[in-house]
Protein backbone atom coordinates (compact mmCIF):
# COMPACT_ATOMS: atom_id res chain seq x y z
CA THR A 1 230.91 150.08 137.00
CA ARG A 2 234.11 149.57 135.35
CA GLY A 3 236.69 150.58 137.61
CA PRO A 4 238.69 148.35 139.84
CA GLU A 5 237.72 147.12 143.21
CA TRP A 6 240.16 149.59 144.87
CA PHE A 7 238.93 152.54 142.84
CA VAL A 8 235.32 151.97 143.62
CA ARG A 9 236.25 151.59 147.22
CA ALA A 10 238.45 154.66 147.53
CA ALA A 11 237.18 157.16 145.02
CA PRO A 12 233.57 158.06 146.17
CA PRO A 13 234.37 159.43 149.76
CA VAL A 14 237.02 161.73 147.84
CA VAL A 15 234.51 162.76 145.28
CA GLY A 16 232.01 163.19 148.56
CA VAL A 17 234.10 165.49 150.61
CA LEU A 18 234.93 167.65 147.26
CA ALA A 19 230.91 168.23 146.77
CA TRP A 20 230.96 169.20 150.45
CA ALA A 21 233.62 171.92 150.14
CA LEU A 22 231.84 173.27 146.82
CA ALA A 23 228.18 172.80 147.48
CA ALA A 24 227.83 175.67 149.77
CA ASP A 25 223.92 175.64 150.05
CA GLU A 26 223.97 172.22 150.79
CA ARG A 27 226.63 172.23 153.26
CA ARG A 28 224.93 174.83 155.34
CA PHE A 29 221.37 172.77 155.23
CA VAL A 30 223.15 169.57 156.18
CA THR A 31 225.01 171.40 159.35
CA ARG A 32 221.63 172.83 160.10
CA ASN A 33 220.10 169.50 160.01
CA LEU A 34 223.06 168.04 161.81
CA ARG A 35 222.58 170.66 164.68
CA ARG A 36 218.52 169.89 164.35
CA MET A 37 219.40 165.94 165.19
CA ARG A 38 222.27 166.42 167.96
CA GLY A 39 222.26 169.95 169.14
CA GLY A 40 225.05 172.44 168.82
CA ARG A 41 228.72 171.35 168.37
CA ARG A 42 231.67 173.22 167.82
CA ALA A 43 232.27 173.93 164.07
CA VAL A 44 235.08 171.90 163.82
CA ARG A 45 232.76 168.86 164.75
CA ASP A 46 229.91 170.04 162.34
CA ALA A 47 232.51 170.24 159.20
CA ILE A 48 233.86 166.66 160.03
CA ASP A 49 230.22 165.13 160.44
CA GLY A 50 229.06 167.08 157.11
CA ALA A 51 232.13 166.02 155.15
CA ARG A 52 231.27 162.38 156.48
CA THR A 53 227.61 162.96 155.00
CA PHE A 54 228.24 163.60 151.86
CA ALA A 55 231.21 160.96 151.37
CA THR A 56 228.85 158.33 152.59
CA TYR A 57 226.25 159.43 150.34
CA ALA A 58 228.40 159.15 147.36
CA SER A 59 229.74 155.59 148.38
CA CYS A 60 226.23 154.58 148.81
CA LEU A 61 225.60 156.05 145.34
CA SER A 62 228.38 154.64 143.64
CA GLU A 63 227.07 150.99 145.22
CA ILE A 64 223.79 151.54 143.71
CA LEU A 65 225.05 152.74 140.14
CA GLY A 66 227.37 149.53 140.26
CA ALA A 67 224.50 146.81 140.74
CA GLY A 68 224.03 146.19 137.21
CA SER A 69 227.98 145.47 136.24
CA ALA A 70 229.97 142.47 136.22
CA ARG A 71 231.47 143.37 139.77
CA GLY A 72 227.94 144.46 141.23
CA ARG A 73 226.76 142.25 143.98
CA LEU A 74 223.92 142.25 146.50
CA PRO A 75 225.36 143.70 149.89
CA GLU A 76 225.76 142.15 153.36
CA VAL A 77 222.78 142.93 155.42
CA VAL A 78 222.28 142.78 158.95
CA VAL A 79 218.54 143.13 160.21
CA HIS A 80 217.26 144.06 163.38
CA GLY A 81 213.34 143.53 163.89
CA GLU A 82 213.08 141.14 161.00
CA LEU A 83 210.16 139.69 162.79
CA HIS A 84 207.99 142.79 162.33
CA VAL A 85 208.31 142.42 158.83
CA THR A 86 207.64 138.91 158.34
CA GLY A 87 204.58 139.23 160.91
CA ALA A 88 203.42 142.06 158.57
CA ILE A 89 203.52 139.87 155.58
CA ALA A 90 201.89 136.83 157.11
CA ALA A 91 198.67 139.24 157.15
CA GLN A 92 198.58 138.71 153.46
CA ARG A 93 197.26 142.34 152.81
CA GLY A 94 200.66 143.66 151.35
CA VAL A 95 203.06 145.47 153.11
CA ILE A 96 203.94 149.47 153.16
CA LEU A 97 207.38 150.17 153.97
CA ALA A 98 207.82 153.91 155.43
CA THR A 99 211.70 154.43 155.04
CA ALA A 100 213.77 157.55 154.46
CA HIS A 101 216.55 159.05 152.50
CA THR A 102 219.13 157.25 154.85
CA ALA A 103 222.76 155.41 153.90
CA GLY A 104 221.43 152.54 151.16
CA TRP A 105 217.78 152.51 151.62
CA GLU A 106 217.45 150.69 148.21
CA THR A 107 219.13 147.81 149.96
CA VAL A 108 215.99 146.95 151.85
CA GLY A 109 214.20 145.84 148.50
CA PRO A 110 217.03 143.07 147.39
CA LEU A 111 216.86 142.04 150.97
CA LEU A 112 213.25 141.25 151.03
CA THR A 113 213.30 139.97 147.40
CA ARG A 114 216.02 137.77 148.02
CA ASP A 115 215.26 136.21 151.36
CA LEU A 116 211.43 136.84 151.79
CA GLY A 117 210.33 136.47 148.06
CA LEU A 118 208.57 139.74 148.43
CA ARG A 119 207.97 141.95 145.35
CA VAL A 120 209.19 145.35 146.25
CA MET A 121 208.11 148.84 144.61
CA ILE A 122 209.62 151.68 144.98
CA ALA A 123 207.23 154.98 145.04
CA GLU A 124 208.85 158.16 144.23
CA THR A 125 208.62 161.52 142.65
CA PRO A 126 210.35 161.66 139.59
CA GLU A 127 213.60 163.52 139.21
CA ARG A 128 213.36 166.52 137.37
CA ASP A 129 216.28 165.58 135.10
CA THR A 130 214.93 162.76 132.76
CA ALA A 131 218.70 161.55 132.18
CA ALA A 132 219.28 161.65 135.94
CA ARG A 133 215.91 159.68 136.46
CA ALA A 134 216.47 157.29 133.92
CA ILE A 135 220.29 156.36 135.38
CA GLN A 136 218.52 155.82 138.97
CA ASP A 137 215.70 153.78 137.73
CA ASP A 138 217.69 151.63 136.03
CA ALA A 139 220.01 151.25 138.75
CA ARG A 140 217.12 150.24 141.13
CA ARG A 141 215.77 147.78 138.61
CA ALA A 142 219.03 146.08 138.66
CA HIS A 143 219.09 145.64 142.03
CA GLY A 144 215.59 143.90 141.29
CA LEU A 145 213.37 146.33 142.44
CA LEU A 146 209.94 147.78 140.63
CA VAL A 147 210.05 151.46 140.33
CA THR A 148 206.90 153.97 139.73
CA HIS A 149 206.58 157.70 139.72
CA VAL A 150 203.85 159.39 141.67
CA GLY A 151 202.87 163.19 141.97
CA ALA A 152 200.06 165.43 142.98
CA ASP A 153 197.77 163.71 140.75
CA PRO A 154 195.60 160.77 142.84
CA PHE A 155 195.37 158.30 140.04
CA SER A 156 199.00 157.93 140.33
CA ALA A 157 198.82 155.79 143.47
CA LEU A 158 196.82 153.22 141.69
CA PRO A 159 199.42 150.93 140.75
CA LEU A 160 200.34 150.87 144.25
CA ALA A 161 197.07 149.81 145.66
CA ARG A 162 197.12 147.11 142.80
CA HIS A 163 200.64 146.08 144.00
CA LEU A 164 199.49 145.78 147.30
CA ARG A 165 196.48 143.61 146.71
CA ASP A 166 198.40 141.32 144.81
CA GLY A 167 200.69 140.69 147.72
CA GLY A 168 203.53 143.10 147.10
CA ALA A 169 205.32 145.45 149.11
CA VAL A 170 205.44 149.21 148.63
CA ALA A 171 208.22 151.28 149.87
CA LEU A 172 207.51 155.08 150.41
CA GLN A 173 209.71 157.78 151.91
CA ILE A 174 208.53 160.06 154.29
CA ASP A 175 211.27 162.75 154.78
CA ARG A 176 210.37 164.79 152.14
CA LEU A 177 207.19 166.62 150.85
CA PRO A 178 207.36 167.77 147.06
CA PRO A 179 204.78 170.62 146.07
CA GLY A 180 201.22 169.73 146.19
CA GLN A 181 201.40 166.58 148.26
CA ARG A 182 199.25 166.38 151.31
CA ARG A 183 200.68 166.55 154.83
CA ARG A 184 200.25 165.45 158.48
CA ALA A 185 201.60 167.94 161.01
CA VAL A 186 203.93 166.21 163.45
CA THR A 187 206.56 166.82 166.21
CA LEU A 188 210.02 166.37 164.90
CA PHE A 189 213.38 167.01 166.53
CA GLY A 190 211.37 169.02 169.22
CA ALA A 191 209.84 171.39 166.63
CA PRO A 192 206.73 171.39 164.54
CA GLY A 193 207.38 169.60 161.33
CA HIS A 194 205.21 167.57 158.62
CA ILE A 195 205.35 163.98 156.89
CA PRO A 196 203.65 163.00 153.65
CA GLU A 197 199.92 161.79 154.25
CA GLY A 198 200.03 159.42 151.28
CA PRO A 199 201.64 156.37 153.15
CA LEU A 200 198.87 156.70 155.87
CA ARG A 201 196.16 157.08 153.51
CA LEU A 202 197.21 154.00 151.48
CA ALA A 203 197.11 151.92 154.48
CA ALA A 204 193.70 152.98 155.62
CA LEU A 205 192.59 152.12 151.82
CA THR A 206 194.22 148.50 151.39
CA GLY A 207 194.54 147.19 155.16
CA ALA A 208 198.18 146.81 154.43
CA PRO A 209 200.50 146.78 157.50
CA LEU A 210 202.59 150.08 157.62
CA VAL A 211 206.26 149.30 158.62
CA PRO A 212 208.75 151.79 159.61
CA ILE A 213 212.23 150.40 158.13
CA PHE A 214 215.53 152.43 157.71
CA ALA A 215 219.20 151.41 156.83
CA ALA A 216 222.56 152.66 157.50
CA ARG A 217 225.76 152.03 155.62
CA THR A 218 228.37 150.24 158.03
CA GLY A 219 231.04 149.54 155.15
CA HIS A 220 231.86 148.76 151.48
CA ARG A 221 228.71 147.07 150.52
CA ARG A 222 227.90 146.35 154.17
CA TYR A 223 224.60 147.80 155.70
CA PHE A 224 222.20 147.81 158.88
CA VAL A 225 218.83 147.55 158.48
CA ALA A 226 216.24 148.50 161.36
CA ALA A 227 212.64 147.39 161.09
CA CYS A 228 210.18 148.57 163.57
CA ALA A 229 206.58 147.49 165.03
CA PRO A 230 203.78 148.03 162.04
CA LEU A 231 201.20 150.46 162.37
CA ARG A 232 197.81 149.16 161.31
CA ILE A 233 195.33 151.74 159.99
CA ALA A 234 191.48 151.19 159.99
CA ARG A 235 189.84 152.04 156.74
CA ASN A 236 187.56 154.63 158.89
CA ALA A 237 190.18 155.73 160.79
CA SER A 238 189.41 159.37 162.69
CA GLU A 239 191.68 162.26 162.07
CA VAL A 240 192.86 162.02 165.57
CA GLU A 241 194.19 158.42 164.71
CA LEU A 242 195.58 159.29 161.67
CA ASP A 243 197.49 162.22 163.41
CA GLN A 244 198.70 159.85 166.31
CA ALA A 245 199.96 157.06 163.47
CA ALA A 246 201.81 160.22 161.59
CA GLN A 247 203.53 160.89 165.10
CA ARG A 248 204.52 157.35 165.34
CA LEU A 249 206.34 157.28 161.91
CA ALA A 250 208.01 160.78 162.54
CA GLY A 251 209.26 159.16 165.99
CA ALA A 252 210.53 156.06 164.76
CA MET A 253 212.07 158.17 161.62
CA GLN A 254 213.82 160.83 164.16
CA ASP A 255 214.87 157.69 166.53
CA PHE A 256 216.95 156.42 163.71
CA VAL A 257 218.39 159.76 162.18
CA VAL A 258 219.48 160.76 165.80
CA ALA A 259 221.31 157.32 166.49
CA HIS A 260 222.96 157.88 162.61
CA PRO A 261 223.24 161.53 162.21
CA THR A 262 225.64 161.45 159.19
CA GLN A 263 223.67 158.93 156.97
CA TRP A 264 220.68 160.89 156.47
CA PHE A 265 220.84 162.45 152.82
CA HIS A 266 218.68 165.57 153.29
CA PHE A 267 220.40 167.85 151.30
CA ARG A 268 218.03 170.70 150.42
CA GLU A 269 214.39 171.86 151.61
CA SER A 270 211.80 169.36 149.59
């Protein structure tokens, strides 16, 4: 927030590589994920891609935290599939954005707020450390996002339903499963996996279209966003239909992270 521009550009990747070198458990977990996404490679390639993942994460984090400073500015964003989002908005039922912990996913909210006049609420499990939670939440609010925390309590989702009924957008991440959260079985990277059931149930309850949308970092404060065709889930959707919708979400996420393997920030078991 206070450093010169050259420092803001250069320091985070160095810190990220140091973290990769020191955080042995997270390094092994990222390597395992890379092999799931793109198959086995030589150890040198695994090390390079692992270090790039940590470096990109550090750069994204610095850009998020710097949003409220005098140097902060909205990033440059190239969007593929924007018509999927505008078409979902036109239904006037609110929009659920199904995303993941990929590079710069918080940029989706400011983009829509700025260009489409859409109020975006991020729903997430609260950080265990209250100070870290406050830092992250303040940074996201500086980007123009609304933030709410959800957990195992079903009533914690009520603000999301109200926000959708008022015509807003809710962003939910589908790549992590905190304890106690309901899940749907899917096939992911050719093996059994799970995604949260919450986005599917919220879409069925409110009638809001569910749009898979993911982001990748392409440079300093530059991002690429890919939006997929929306899913519409009937209120009385059968278990089979919910399973099919879950697999479509999982497939959309898989396609994106396979194309951008060093941009998925999945450092430990959720």
